Protein backbone atom coordinates (compact mmCIF):
# COMPACT_ATOMS: atom_id res chain seq x y z
CA MET A 1 104.04 135.85 83.64
CA LEU A 2 104.85 132.22 84.29
CA ASN A 3 107.66 131.14 86.58
CA ASN A 4 110.20 129.68 84.18
CA THR A 5 112.44 128.42 87.00
CA ILE A 6 110.03 125.67 88.05
CA VAL A 7 111.20 122.13 87.33
CA PRO A 8 108.58 120.29 85.21
CA ILE A 9 106.64 117.46 86.83
CA GLU A 10 107.82 114.19 85.30
CA LYS A 11 105.22 111.80 83.94
CA LYS A 12 106.37 109.08 86.36
CA SER A 13 106.27 111.34 89.44
CA LYS A 14 104.27 109.92 92.35
CA ILE A 15 101.21 112.13 92.72
CA PHE A 16 98.74 111.77 95.59
CA VAL A 17 95.24 113.04 94.82
CA ALA A 18 93.58 113.32 98.23
CA GLY A 19 89.83 113.00 97.83
CA HIS A 20 89.89 111.39 94.38
CA ARG A 21 86.30 110.17 94.59
CA GLY A 22 84.84 113.61 95.18
CA LEU A 23 83.76 116.21 92.65
CA VAL A 24 87.12 118.01 92.55
CA GLY A 25 89.47 115.10 93.18
CA SER A 26 87.92 112.93 90.48
CA ALA A 27 88.26 115.77 87.97
CA ILE A 28 91.93 116.28 88.89
CA GLN A 29 92.50 112.53 88.50
CA ARG A 30 90.88 112.59 85.03
CA ARG A 31 92.97 115.59 84.01
CA LEU A 32 96.26 114.09 85.17
CA GLN A 33 95.56 110.78 83.45
CA LYS A 34 94.61 112.61 80.26
CA GLU A 35 98.02 114.30 80.31
CA GLY A 36 99.84 110.98 80.78
CA TYR A 37 100.50 111.03 84.52
CA ASP A 38 99.97 107.37 85.36
CA ASN A 39 101.75 107.04 88.72
CA LEU A 40 98.85 108.31 90.81
CA ILE A 41 98.42 107.35 94.46
CA LEU A 42 94.71 107.03 95.28
CA ARG A 43 93.07 106.01 98.53
CA THR A 44 89.40 105.72 99.44
CA ARG A 45 88.12 106.87 102.81
CA GLN A 46 87.97 103.25 103.91
CA GLU A 47 91.60 102.69 102.90
CA LEU A 48 92.96 105.87 104.50
CA ASP A 49 91.30 107.96 107.20
CA LEU A 50 92.67 111.43 106.55
CA THR A 51 91.40 112.67 109.92
CA SER A 52 93.74 110.19 111.67
CA GLN A 53 97.21 111.57 112.32
CA PRO A 54 98.87 108.14 112.72
CA ALA A 55 97.25 106.83 109.53
CA VAL A 56 98.33 109.83 107.45
CA LYS A 57 101.85 109.71 108.92
CA GLU A 58 102.19 106.03 107.99
CA PHE A 59 100.86 106.73 104.50
CA PHE A 60 103.43 109.44 103.73
CA GLU A 61 106.22 107.41 105.29
CA SER A 62 105.46 104.30 103.24
CA GLN A 63 104.21 105.77 99.94
CA LYS A 64 106.53 108.81 99.68
CA PRO A 65 104.45 110.91 97.27
CA GLU A 66 106.27 113.68 95.43
CA TYR A 67 103.27 115.91 94.71
CA VAL A 68 99.92 116.31 96.49
CA PHE A 69 96.61 117.77 95.35
CA LEU A 70 94.69 118.34 98.60
CA ALA A 71 91.14 118.04 97.32
CA ALA A 72 89.80 116.03 100.26
CA ALA A 73 87.30 117.97 102.38
CA LYS A 74 83.92 117.81 104.05
CA VAL A 75 81.73 119.98 101.82
CA GLY A 76 78.04 120.82 101.48
CA GLY A 77 75.47 123.43 100.58
CA ILE A 78 73.98 126.23 102.65
CA MET A 79 71.74 123.92 104.70
CA ALA A 80 74.52 121.47 105.60
CA ASN A 81 77.00 124.26 106.41
CA LYS A 82 74.53 125.93 108.74
CA ARG A 83 73.35 122.73 110.45
CA TYR A 84 76.65 120.85 110.90
CA LYS A 85 79.16 123.58 111.74
CA ALA A 86 81.07 121.52 114.29
CA ASP A 87 81.53 118.65 111.82
CA PHE A 88 82.68 120.99 109.07
CA ILE A 89 85.32 122.82 111.09
CA TYR A 90 86.62 119.72 112.91
CA GLU A 91 86.93 117.35 109.95
CA ASN A 92 88.43 119.91 107.59
CA LEU A 93 91.00 121.08 110.13
CA GLN A 94 91.98 117.47 110.85
CA ILE A 95 92.41 116.59 107.18
CA GLN A 96 94.40 119.73 106.39
CA ASN A 97 96.64 119.58 109.44
CA ASN A 98 97.54 115.94 108.88
CA ILE A 99 98.28 116.22 105.16
CA ILE A 100 100.07 119.58 105.15
CA PHE A 101 102.27 118.71 108.13
CA ASN A 102 103.26 115.29 106.81
CA ALA A 103 103.86 116.69 103.32
CA TRP A 104 106.44 118.97 104.92
CA LYS A 105 107.82 116.31 107.27
CA TYR A 106 108.44 113.81 104.47
CA LYS A 107 109.74 116.50 102.09
CA ILE A 108 107.40 116.14 99.14
CA LYS A 109 108.17 118.54 96.31
CA LYS A 110 104.91 120.47 96.13
CA LEU A 111 101.37 120.60 97.53
CA LEU A 112 98.35 122.39 96.09
CA PHE A 113 95.72 123.27 98.70
CA LEU A 114 92.14 123.81 97.55
CA GLY A 115 90.34 126.50 99.48
CA SER A 116 86.98 128.06 98.66
CA SER A 117 85.58 131.43 97.65
CA CYS A 118 83.60 131.45 100.93
CA ILE A 119 86.83 132.44 102.72
CA TYR A 120 86.20 136.04 101.69
CA PRO A 121 84.15 138.52 103.75
CA ARG A 122 80.40 138.47 103.22
CA ASP A 123 80.18 142.08 102.07
CA CYS A 124 83.55 142.69 100.42
CA PRO A 125 83.82 144.70 97.18
CA GLN A 126 83.08 142.95 93.88
CA PRO A 127 84.73 141.35 92.02
CA ILE A 128 86.65 139.78 94.90
CA LYS A 129 90.42 140.24 94.80
CA GLU A 130 92.78 137.89 96.61
CA GLU A 131 93.90 140.66 98.96
CA TYR A 132 90.39 140.99 100.41
CA LEU A 133 90.99 137.89 102.55
CA MET A 134 90.37 138.58 106.27
CA THR A 135 89.24 142.17 105.76
CA GLY A 136 85.73 141.70 107.19
CA PRO A 137 83.18 139.31 108.77
CA LEU A 138 82.39 136.01 107.06
CA GLU A 139 78.97 134.85 105.86
CA GLU A 140 77.33 133.38 108.99
CA THR A 141 75.84 130.33 107.27
CA ASN A 142 79.25 128.87 106.33
CA ASP A 143 81.70 130.60 108.66
CA ALA A 144 82.88 127.33 110.27
CA TYR A 145 83.86 125.79 106.93
CA ALA A 146 85.42 129.08 105.78
CA THR A 147 87.45 129.39 108.98
CA ALA A 148 88.88 125.91 108.45
CA LYS A 149 89.87 126.80 104.88
CA ILE A 150 91.48 130.07 106.00
CA ALA A 151 93.48 128.06 108.54
CA GLY A 152 94.66 125.79 105.71
CA ILE A 153 95.82 128.77 103.68
CA LYS A 154 97.67 130.24 106.65
CA MET A 155 99.26 126.89 107.43
CA CYS A 156 100.61 126.61 103.88
CA GLN A 157 101.90 130.18 103.96
CA SER A 158 103.42 129.72 107.41
CA PHE A 159 105.39 126.63 106.37
CA ASN A 160 106.60 128.49 103.29
CA GLU A 161 107.69 131.44 105.41
CA GLN A 162 109.25 129.61 108.35
CA TYR A 163 111.12 127.01 106.34
CA GLY A 164 112.07 129.18 103.41
CA THR A 165 110.16 127.18 100.83
CA ASP A 166 108.67 130.20 99.08
CA PRO A 167 110.79 131.10 96.00
CA ALA A 168 109.66 134.73 96.44
CA SER A 169 111.67 134.82 99.69
CA GLY A 170 114.88 134.51 97.71
CA GLU A 171 115.98 131.44 99.63
CA GLN A 172 116.98 128.23 97.91
CA SER A 173 115.50 125.16 99.55
CA ASP A 174 114.80 121.50 98.86
CA PHE A 175 111.79 121.55 101.17
CA THR A 176 108.15 121.38 100.15
CA ARG A 177 106.51 124.24 98.31
CA PHE A 178 102.89 125.01 99.18
CA ILE A 179 100.43 126.86 96.93
CA SER A 180 96.76 127.66 97.63
CA VAL A 181 93.94 128.19 95.17
CA MET A 182 90.42 129.55 95.75
CA PRO A 183 87.83 128.11 93.36
CA THR A 184 84.40 129.63 92.86
CA ASN A 185 81.16 127.60 92.93
CA LEU A 186 81.76 124.28 91.18
CA TYR A 187 79.60 121.75 89.38
CA GLY A 188 79.98 118.79 87.03
CA PRO A 189 80.35 114.98 86.95
CA ASN A 190 80.41 113.24 90.35
CA ASP A 191 78.63 116.15 92.02
CA ASN A 192 76.47 115.57 95.10
CA PHE A 193 72.78 115.63 94.19
CA ASP A 194 71.48 114.90 97.70
CA LEU A 195 68.86 117.54 98.46
CA GLU A 196 69.89 117.83 102.12
CA ASN A 197 73.60 118.47 101.53
CA SER A 198 74.14 119.54 97.92
CA HIS A 199 75.05 122.91 96.46
CA VAL A 200 72.59 125.05 94.54
CA LEU A 201 73.17 123.84 90.96
CA PRO A 202 73.04 120.05 91.50
CA ALA A 203 70.04 120.58 93.80
CA MET A 204 68.29 122.47 91.01
CA ILE A 205 69.04 119.76 88.47
CA ARG A 206 67.56 117.07 90.67
CA LYS A 207 64.53 119.14 91.72
CA PHE A 208 63.63 120.06 88.14
CA HIS A 209 64.15 116.49 86.97
CA GLU A 210 61.94 114.99 89.69
CA ALA A 211 59.27 117.63 89.18
CA LYS A 212 59.33 116.96 85.44
CA ILE A 213 58.61 113.28 86.11
CA SER A 214 55.91 113.95 88.73
CA ASN A 215 54.34 116.97 87.00
CA GLY A 216 54.82 118.97 90.19
CA ALA A 217 56.14 122.42 91.05
CA VAL A 218 59.71 123.27 92.10
CA THR A 219 60.39 125.18 95.32
CA LEU A 220 63.72 126.99 95.53
CA TRP A 221 65.28 128.74 98.51
CA GLY A 222 65.39 132.51 98.88
CA THR A 223 64.41 135.25 96.47
CA GLY A 224 66.58 134.27 93.51
CA SER A 225 68.27 137.67 93.56
CA PRO A 226 71.81 136.73 94.77
CA LYS A 227 74.43 136.50 92.04
CA ARG A 228 76.83 133.61 91.80
CA GLU A 229 79.72 132.50 89.60
CA PHE A 230 79.86 128.88 88.40
CA LEU A 231 82.88 126.96 87.11
CA HIS A 232 82.81 123.50 85.57
CA VAL A 233 84.95 121.16 87.64
CA ASP A 234 86.92 120.02 84.58
CA ASP A 235 88.00 123.62 84.08
CA LEU A 236 89.04 123.77 87.72
CA ALA A 237 91.10 120.59 87.34
CA ASP A 238 92.80 122.03 84.27
CA ALA A 239 93.64 125.20 86.22
CA CYS A 240 94.98 123.23 89.20
CA VAL A 241 97.32 121.15 87.05
CA PHE A 242 98.39 124.31 85.22
CA LEU A 243 99.22 126.06 88.51
CA MET A 244 100.97 123.02 89.96
CA LYS A 245 103.28 123.15 86.94
CA ASN A 246 103.70 126.90 86.68
CA TYR A 247 103.09 128.68 89.99
CA ASP A 248 105.19 128.73 93.17
CA SER A 249 104.19 131.75 95.25
CA SER A 250 102.56 131.75 98.70
CA GLU A 251 100.00 134.27 97.48
CA ILE A 252 96.58 132.70 96.93
CA VAL A 253 95.09 132.49 93.43
CA ASN A 254 91.40 132.76 92.57
CA ILE A 255 90.04 130.26 90.05
CA GLY A 256 86.81 131.16 88.28
CA THR A 257 85.22 132.48 85.12
CA GLY A 258 85.00 136.16 86.02
CA GLU A 259 81.28 136.01 85.10
CA ASP A 260 78.23 135.66 87.34
CA ILE A 261 74.46 135.13 87.09
CA THR A 262 71.49 135.51 89.43
CA ILE A 263 70.15 132.36 91.07
CA ARG A 264 66.88 133.10 89.26
CA GLY A 265 68.74 133.22 85.95
CA LEU A 266 70.48 129.94 86.77
CA ALA A 267 67.09 128.40 87.52
CA GLU A 268 65.79 129.44 84.09
CA ILE A 269 68.81 127.89 82.34
CA THR A 270 68.45 124.66 84.32
CA LYS A 271 64.70 124.56 83.77
CA ASP A 272 65.17 124.84 80.00
CA ILE A 273 67.91 122.18 79.84
CA VAL A 274 65.89 119.71 81.93
CA ASP A 275 62.81 120.64 79.84
CA PHE A 276 60.67 121.30 82.90
CA LYS A 277 57.38 123.01 82.02
CA GLY A 278 55.97 123.54 85.50
CA LYS A 279 55.96 126.34 88.08
CA ILE A 280 58.89 127.66 90.15
CA ILE A 281 58.06 128.78 93.70
CA TRP A 282 60.58 130.99 95.50
CA ASP A 283 60.55 130.50 99.28
CA ALA A 284 61.66 133.90 100.58
CA SER A 285 61.53 132.65 104.18
CA LYS A 286 64.74 130.73 103.50
CA PRO A 287 68.14 132.50 103.52
CA ASP A 288 69.69 133.92 100.38
CA GLY A 289 73.24 133.82 101.68
CA THR A 290 75.85 136.26 100.41
CA PRO A 291 74.27 138.84 98.03
CA ARG A 292 77.01 138.51 95.42
CA LYS A 293 80.18 136.44 95.11
CA LEU A 294 82.22 137.05 91.96
CA LEU A 295 85.93 136.38 91.93
CA ASP A 296 88.49 138.67 90.35
CA VAL A 297 90.49 136.26 88.18
CA SER A 298 92.86 138.78 86.64
CA LYS A 299 95.87 137.18 88.35
CA LEU A 300 94.99 133.79 86.85
CA HIS A 301 94.43 135.37 83.43
CA ASP A 302 97.80 137.11 83.68
CA LEU A 303 99.40 133.72 84.37
CA GLY A 304 97.94 132.50 81.08
CA TRP A 305 94.88 130.44 82.03
CA ARG A 306 91.19 130.99 81.15
CA HIS A 307 88.13 128.79 81.49
CA LYS A 308 86.84 126.96 78.41
CA ILE A 309 83.42 125.51 79.31
CA GLY A 310 80.42 127.86 79.12
CA LEU A 311 77.63 127.66 81.72
CA LYS A 312 74.87 126.36 79.43
CA GLU A 313 77.21 123.78 77.92
CA GLY A 314 78.35 122.70 81.36
CA VAL A 315 74.86 122.40 82.83
CA LYS A 316 73.73 120.35 79.84
CA GLU A 317 76.68 117.98 80.26
CA THR A 318 76.09 117.71 84.01
CA TYR A 319 72.41 116.89 83.52
CA GLY A 320 73.44 114.18 81.07
CA TRP A 321 75.82 112.75 83.65
CA PHE A 322 73.04 112.85 86.27
CA LEU A 323 70.68 110.91 83.98
CA ASN A 324 73.29 108.26 83.22
CA ASN A 325 74.92 107.84 86.61
CA TYR A 326 72.85 109.07 89.52
CA ARG A 327 70.42 106.73 91.23
CA ILE A 328 67.86 108.41 93.46
CA LYS A 329 67.37 106.45 96.68
CA LYS A 330 63.76 105.54 97.31
């Protein structure tokens, strides 16, 4: 059930979307503007270094946002996560620490922290329930990134607990409320299609497209047997705005479709949409990653939210965006 005690977010409320140029942040910005929220605070990386404590402190002190969507993060695919572990854990911890602390210090009304489904143990039962967090070892290829995200969750929960900002505690407080959401694998407009650092779906789209033009074959990592869940980023943004309006608990919430597909099956869908007629080569010498990662989204469904965009529809739209917007560097 929804929390009917939550005060609605006014259309003129000052809302800071941290990371508004990224895949998730840009989708949240689009969603908010679609709903008539036009007092958004947006800063590029050049305008505000979120890893700098003094810069973030000055920003909150001068701008005084009322709500924050913490979508800013250093993200990447399996190759980037494995190769640049130090960068991933350092930058994400810096960003989270600076924003969460200053959100509390300057008494904003509410912050939504975006985690990741990789926070869950590598071999936990499927589908993955929220309570499985920290019940087993992480996937080795992205454990640094996952550890940073777990720290962000715990920081939000700790501020709620210590300062009585969690309504479930029974305490009345004017301090900041922190909520944390765990999205599944995302894709959509403004995705990263760089083959060195991208996630599996945008990498597939680009590989199939380039192979279609060159009449070559497509080589994909692993065996194709792992199963993954994919959520269109516009659905994620819709869920985040929904939860910002209707959810106040410290308990994390999974955001996904509740449906998964093998990487091989995803490749076939992408191949058909791109209209690639060539050969797919599976490089089994490369890692598969976690065997299966499907989120249990029953809590989100009970709150009244379900995804709307199907996988084939979403991949088709994303490929169209890629054709119209992405320029491959020569």
